[in-house]
Amino acid sequence: MTTPHLSPAGPTAAQSDAIIRVRDLVVGFGQRTVMKGLDLDIRRGEILGFVGPSGQGKSVLTRTILGLVPKRSGTIEIFGENVDGLTVARRRQLEQRWGVLFQQGALFSGLTVKQNIQMPMREHLKLSERLLDEFARLKIEMVGLKPDAADKYPSELSGGMIKRAALARSLALDPEILFLDEPTSGLDPIGAGEFDDLVSTLKKTLGLTVFMVTHDLDSLYTACDRIAALGDGRIIAQGTIEEMLASDHPWLRSYFHGKRARAIATPSQLAQPGYAHA
């Protein structure tokens, strides 16, 4: 069965609510082409989960949007501006409007949690030491860490604490959009669920837009407003979890109708057309 609401060809969002717009993106490394004309909109105020088979380049898209990986062709617009025409100064201004949490946290091992959080503030803002300390304290509290975490080094933190500390750093400049790369990887189910809840709460309270690269089914089912699926260098489908469940695309059916997915799904999701026969 197919669903008319699921778009295999590209974005369905109205252009006016897209905070990031990617069109006909081509990215490659040597002889290998990873993105093959990819189109995607990230809508303001949503948590968009980005999923796909391993090795397909999910994290590459994030790094390309951030300017860490060069593109071969295509356009990327962020906050309505084409990144190709940006001056260095304008690029730095836009960078203050997003935060990034990389898969392993990427905290500087020689700095305390407080110092890690203060790094982007020192780079982009002119603040007194008193304000730097106060803002770092607020970010630490915001992500649910205890106050004494401020003076600890990454080596003294658990995996879950590292994720939260890295999230606090990504929030240092009060961004409008967060890029999360496999944020729950390495966490136990309880820790992963708590992290998903934290991201959802921050999205609501701070009005964030979140682009989450993940393979975590729990995150896709419980935290994401929409999901975009990558396959063979393009977006093969996007929509809500219910729309994904109704898709007849082979990879989507295998991924979202497997034994673990059925254990996570709610009764209403299990009642989606075709689900019981997967």
Protein backbone atom coordinates (compact mmCIF):
# COMPACT_ATOMS: atom_id res chain seq x y z
CA MET A 1 0.00 0.00 0.00
CA THR A 2 1.20 3.54 -0.73
CA THR A 3 0.27 6.76 0.96
CA PRO A 4 -0.30 10.05 -0.86
CA HIS A 5 1.06 11.99 2.10
CA LEU A 6 4.54 10.45 2.00
CA SER A 7 6.83 12.27 -0.40
CA PRO A 8 9.60 10.17 -1.96
CA ALA A 9 10.70 12.88 -4.34
CA GLY A 10 11.44 15.81 -2.07
CA PRO A 11 10.22 18.30 0.52
CA THR A 12 6.55 18.86 1.15
CA ALA A 13 6.83 21.85 3.53
CA ALA A 14 5.70 25.26 2.41
CA GLN A 15 8.80 27.23 1.51
CA SER A 16 7.92 30.01 3.95
CA ASP A 17 8.49 27.80 7.03
CA ALA A 18 11.80 26.25 5.95
CA ILE A 19 14.67 27.39 8.14
CA ILE A 20 17.10 25.38 5.98
CA ARG A 21 16.50 24.51 2.35
CA VAL A 22 18.69 22.06 0.42
CA ARG A 23 18.23 21.67 -3.33
CA ASP A 24 19.82 19.28 -5.83
CA LEU A 25 22.80 18.71 -3.51
CA VAL A 26 25.69 16.66 -4.85
CA VAL A 27 28.54 15.68 -2.50
CA GLY A 28 31.31 13.20 -3.11
CA PHE A 29 34.72 11.96 -2.05
CA GLY A 30 37.06 10.96 -4.86
CA GLN A 31 35.22 8.58 -7.18
CA ARG A 32 32.36 8.06 -4.72
CA THR A 33 29.26 10.23 -4.91
CA VAL A 34 27.41 10.32 -1.59
CA MET A 35 24.64 12.85 -2.24
CA LYS A 36 23.05 12.59 -5.67
CA GLY A 37 20.73 15.53 -6.12
CA LEU A 38 19.30 15.58 -2.60
CA ASP A 39 16.40 17.90 -1.72
CA LEU A 40 15.33 18.60 1.86
CA ASP A 41 13.58 21.26 3.92
CA ILE A 42 14.06 21.61 7.67
CA ARG A 43 11.01 23.40 9.01
CA ARG A 44 11.08 25.99 11.73
CA GLY A 45 10.12 24.63 15.16
CA GLU A 46 10.27 20.92 14.32
CA ILE A 47 12.43 18.00 15.35
CA LEU A 48 13.34 16.34 12.06
CA GLY A 49 14.82 12.86 12.36
CA PHE A 50 17.22 11.88 9.58
CA VAL A 51 17.56 8.15 9.08
CA GLY A 52 19.00 5.74 6.54
CA PRO A 53 21.18 2.66 6.07
CA SER A 54 24.68 2.72 7.55
CA GLY A 55 27.31 4.21 5.27
CA GLN A 56 24.83 6.21 3.21
CA GLY A 57 26.14 9.61 4.35
CA LYS A 58 23.68 10.79 6.99
CA SER A 59 26.35 12.66 8.93
CA VAL A 60 27.84 13.97 5.68
CA LEU A 61 24.71 16.02 5.07
CA THR A 62 25.03 17.73 8.45
CA ARG A 63 28.70 18.50 7.86
CA THR A 64 27.95 19.83 4.38
CA ILE A 65 25.25 22.16 5.69
CA LEU A 66 27.70 23.37 8.34
CA GLY A 67 30.38 24.01 5.71
CA LEU A 68 32.73 21.32 7.02
CA VAL A 69 32.45 19.22 3.84
CA PRO A 70 32.50 20.88 0.39
CA LYS A 71 29.69 20.25 -2.06
CA ARG A 72 30.13 19.61 -5.75
CA SER A 73 26.92 21.32 -6.77
CA GLY A 74 23.48 22.31 -5.56
CA THR A 75 22.28 25.03 -3.21
CA ILE A 76 21.99 25.33 0.55
CA GLU A 77 19.97 28.17 2.06
CA ILE A 78 20.14 28.84 5.80
CA PHE A 79 17.77 31.39 7.31
CA GLY A 80 16.90 32.41 3.75
CA GLU A 81 20.49 33.08 2.67
CA ASN A 82 22.42 31.12 0.04
CA VAL A 83 25.62 30.03 1.76
CA ASP A 84 27.61 30.28 -1.48
CA GLY A 85 27.46 34.06 -1.47
CA LEU A 86 28.32 34.69 2.17
CA THR A 87 31.28 36.74 3.28
CA VAL A 88 33.43 35.36 6.07
CA ALA A 89 31.96 37.91 8.47
CA ARG A 90 28.38 37.05 7.51
CA ARG A 91 29.11 33.33 7.81
CA ARG A 92 30.35 33.87 11.36
CA GLN A 93 27.15 35.74 12.18
CA LEU A 94 25.03 32.84 10.95
CA GLU A 95 27.14 30.32 12.85
CA GLN A 96 26.07 32.00 16.07
CA ARG A 97 22.48 31.00 15.26
CA TRP A 98 23.12 27.24 15.34
CA GLY A 99 24.55 24.73 17.79
CA VAL A 100 26.09 21.34 17.08
CA LEU A 101 26.37 18.15 19.11
CA PHE A 102 28.69 15.66 17.43
CA GLN A 103 28.35 11.93 17.97
CA GLN A 104 31.09 11.54 20.59
CA GLY A 105 30.42 14.88 22.26
CA ALA A 106 33.71 16.40 21.02
CA LEU A 107 34.46 18.03 24.37
CA PHE A 108 38.00 19.31 24.85
CA SER A 109 39.60 16.87 27.27
CA GLY A 110 41.89 19.47 28.83
CA LEU A 111 39.04 21.82 29.73
CA THR A 112 36.39 21.54 32.41
CA VAL A 113 32.71 21.37 31.52
CA LYS A 114 32.35 25.06 32.35
CA GLN A 115 35.32 25.98 30.18
CA ASN A 116 33.99 23.89 27.29
CA ILE A 117 30.65 25.69 27.46
CA GLN A 118 32.35 29.07 27.63
CA MET A 119 34.49 28.49 24.52
CA PRO A 120 31.91 29.62 21.92
CA MET A 121 30.96 32.53 24.19
CA ARG A 122 34.58 33.68 24.31
CA GLU A 123 34.90 33.33 20.55
CA HIS A 124 31.78 35.25 19.58
CA LEU A 125 30.81 37.43 22.55
CA LYS A 126 32.49 40.06 24.70
CA LEU A 127 31.48 39.18 28.24
CA SER A 128 32.98 39.64 31.66
CA GLU A 129 34.24 36.60 33.55
CA ARG A 130 31.33 36.98 35.93
CA LEU A 131 28.80 36.78 33.09
CA LEU A 132 30.66 33.89 31.45
CA ASP A 133 30.44 31.94 34.70
CA GLU A 134 26.77 32.81 35.19
CA PHE A 135 25.77 31.85 31.64
CA ALA A 136 27.71 28.58 31.87
CA ARG A 137 25.93 27.80 35.15
CA LEU A 138 22.56 28.42 33.49
CA LYS A 139 23.37 26.10 30.57
CA ILE A 140 24.52 23.38 32.96
CA GLU A 141 21.26 23.67 34.87
CA MET A 142 19.27 23.72 31.63
CA VAL A 143 20.52 20.28 30.55
CA GLY A 144 19.93 18.68 33.94
CA LEU A 145 23.50 18.42 35.21
CA LYS A 146 24.34 19.08 38.85
CA PRO A 147 26.21 22.32 39.62
CA ASP A 148 29.39 20.44 40.60
CA ALA A 149 29.68 19.14 37.03
CA ALA A 150 30.99 22.58 36.04
CA ASP A 151 34.48 21.91 37.37
CA LYS A 152 34.78 18.32 36.19
CA TYR A 153 36.81 17.21 33.19
CA PRO A 154 35.31 15.00 30.45
CA SER A 155 37.27 12.00 31.74
CA GLU A 156 35.37 12.29 35.02
CA LEU A 157 31.94 12.15 33.37
CA SER A 158 29.69 9.24 32.46
CA GLY A 159 28.54 8.81 28.88
CA GLY A 160 25.21 10.43 29.61
CA MET A 161 26.87 13.36 31.36
CA ILE A 162 29.18 13.90 28.39
CA LYS A 163 26.16 14.09 26.09
CA ARG A 164 24.48 16.62 28.36
CA ALA A 165 27.64 18.69 28.72
CA ALA A 166 28.07 18.74 24.95
CA LEU A 167 24.42 19.73 24.59
CA ALA A 168 24.99 22.57 27.05
CA ARG A 169 27.89 23.79 24.93
CA SER A 170 25.76 23.62 21.79
CA LEU A 171 23.26 25.90 23.55
CA ALA A 172 25.93 28.40 24.64
CA LEU A 173 24.97 31.08 22.11
CA ASP A 174 21.20 30.60 22.40
CA PRO A 175 20.89 29.09 18.90
CA GLU A 176 17.76 28.82 16.79
CA ILE A 177 18.63 25.42 15.37
CA LEU A 178 20.43 22.40 16.82
CA PHE A 179 22.24 19.77 14.77
CA LEU A 180 22.44 16.50 16.70
CA ASP A 181 24.55 13.66 15.28
CA GLU A 182 23.51 10.31 16.79
CA PRO A 183 22.86 11.97 20.18
CA THR A 184 21.77 8.79 21.98
CA SER A 185 24.50 6.48 20.67
CA GLY A 186 26.36 4.77 23.49
CA LEU A 187 23.62 5.46 26.03
CA ASP A 188 21.57 2.79 27.77
CA PRO A 189 17.81 2.77 27.03
CA ILE A 190 16.95 4.78 30.14
CA GLY A 191 19.63 7.38 29.47
CA ALA A 192 18.63 7.60 25.81
CA GLY A 193 14.98 8.09 26.71
CA GLU A 194 15.86 10.81 29.20
CA PHE A 195 17.98 12.56 26.58
CA ASP A 196 15.14 12.43 24.04
CA ASP A 197 12.80 13.92 26.65
CA LEU A 198 15.32 16.68 27.36
CA VAL A 199 15.64 17.58 23.68
CA SER A 200 11.85 17.66 23.29
CA THR A 201 11.50 19.88 26.35
CA LEU A 202 14.21 22.28 25.17
CA LYS A 203 12.60 22.45 21.74
CA LYS A 204 9.31 23.53 23.30
CA THR A 205 10.66 25.91 25.93
CA LEU A 206 13.31 27.57 23.74
CA GLY A 207 11.48 27.41 20.41
CA LEU A 208 14.28 25.40 18.83
CA THR A 209 14.45 23.69 15.47
CA VAL A 210 16.28 20.35 15.70
CA PHE A 211 17.89 18.27 12.94
CA MET A 212 18.67 14.87 14.45
CA VAL A 213 20.73 12.27 12.61
CA THR A 214 19.82 9.01 14.32
CA HIS A 215 19.30 5.29 13.93
CA ASP A 216 17.56 5.08 17.32
CA LEU A 217 14.01 3.84 16.78
CA ASP A 218 12.92 5.14 20.17
CA SER A 219 13.97 8.66 19.18
CA LEU A 220 12.15 8.41 15.86
CA TYR A 221 8.96 7.15 17.49
CA THR A 222 8.85 9.45 20.50
CA ALA A 223 10.84 12.63 19.86
CA CYS A 224 10.62 13.46 16.15
CA ASP A 225 7.84 15.49 14.55
CA ARG A 226 8.87 14.33 11.09
CA ILE A 227 11.33 11.86 9.62
CA ALA A 228 13.33 12.03 6.40
CA ALA A 229 14.87 8.83 5.06
CA LEU A 230 18.04 8.75 2.98
CA GLY A 231 18.66 6.12 0.33
CA ASP A 232 21.10 6.01 -2.58
CA GLY A 233 22.05 9.64 -2.08
CA ARG A 234 18.52 11.03 -2.13
CA ILE A 235 15.54 11.48 0.16
CA ILE A 236 13.42 8.40 -0.50
CA ALA A 237 10.58 9.44 1.80
CA GLN A 238 9.63 11.90 4.49
CA GLY A 239 6.69 12.37 6.80
CA THR A 240 5.41 11.57 10.27
CA ILE A 241 6.10 8.23 11.91
CA GLU A 242 2.58 7.14 10.96
CA GLU A 243 3.25 8.00 7.33
CA MET A 244 6.52 6.09 7.43
CA LEU A 245 4.69 3.07 8.81
CA ALA A 246 2.23 3.19 5.93
CA SER A 247 4.94 3.30 3.26
CA ASP A 248 5.55 0.30 1.03
CA HIS A 249 9.19 1.20 0.35
CA PRO A 250 11.23 -1.98 1.03
CA TRP A 251 13.85 -0.39 3.29
CA LEU A 252 11.27 1.57 5.28
CA ARG A 253 9.17 -1.55 5.81
CA SER A 254 12.20 -3.51 6.95
CA TYR A 255 13.33 -0.75 9.31
CA PHE A 256 10.02 0.39 10.80
CA HIS A 257 8.24 -2.99 10.85
CA GLY A 258 10.95 -5.11 12.46
CA LYS A 259 10.63 -6.90 15.78
CA ARG A 260 12.17 -4.06 17.79
CA ALA A 261 10.02 -1.45 16.06
CA ARG A 262 6.87 -3.42 16.88
CA ALA A 263 7.90 -3.47 20.54
CA ILE A 264 8.14 0.33 20.57
CA ALA A 265 5.05 1.17 18.51
CA THR A 266 1.87 2.38 20.20
CA PRO A 267 -1.45 0.60 19.58
CA SER A 268 -2.53 3.34 17.16
CA GLN A 269 0.73 3.01 15.24
CA LEU A 270 0.38 -0.76 15.11
CA ALA A 271 -3.07 -0.21 13.61
CA GLN A 272 -1.62 1.63 10.61
CA PRO A 273 -2.57 0.03 7.26
CA GLY A 274 -0.29 -2.87 6.47
CA TYR A 275 1.52 -2.83 9.80
CA ALA A 276 0.07 -6.00 11.26
CA HIS A 277 1.07 -7.92 8.15
CA ALA A 278 4.69 -6.78 8.08
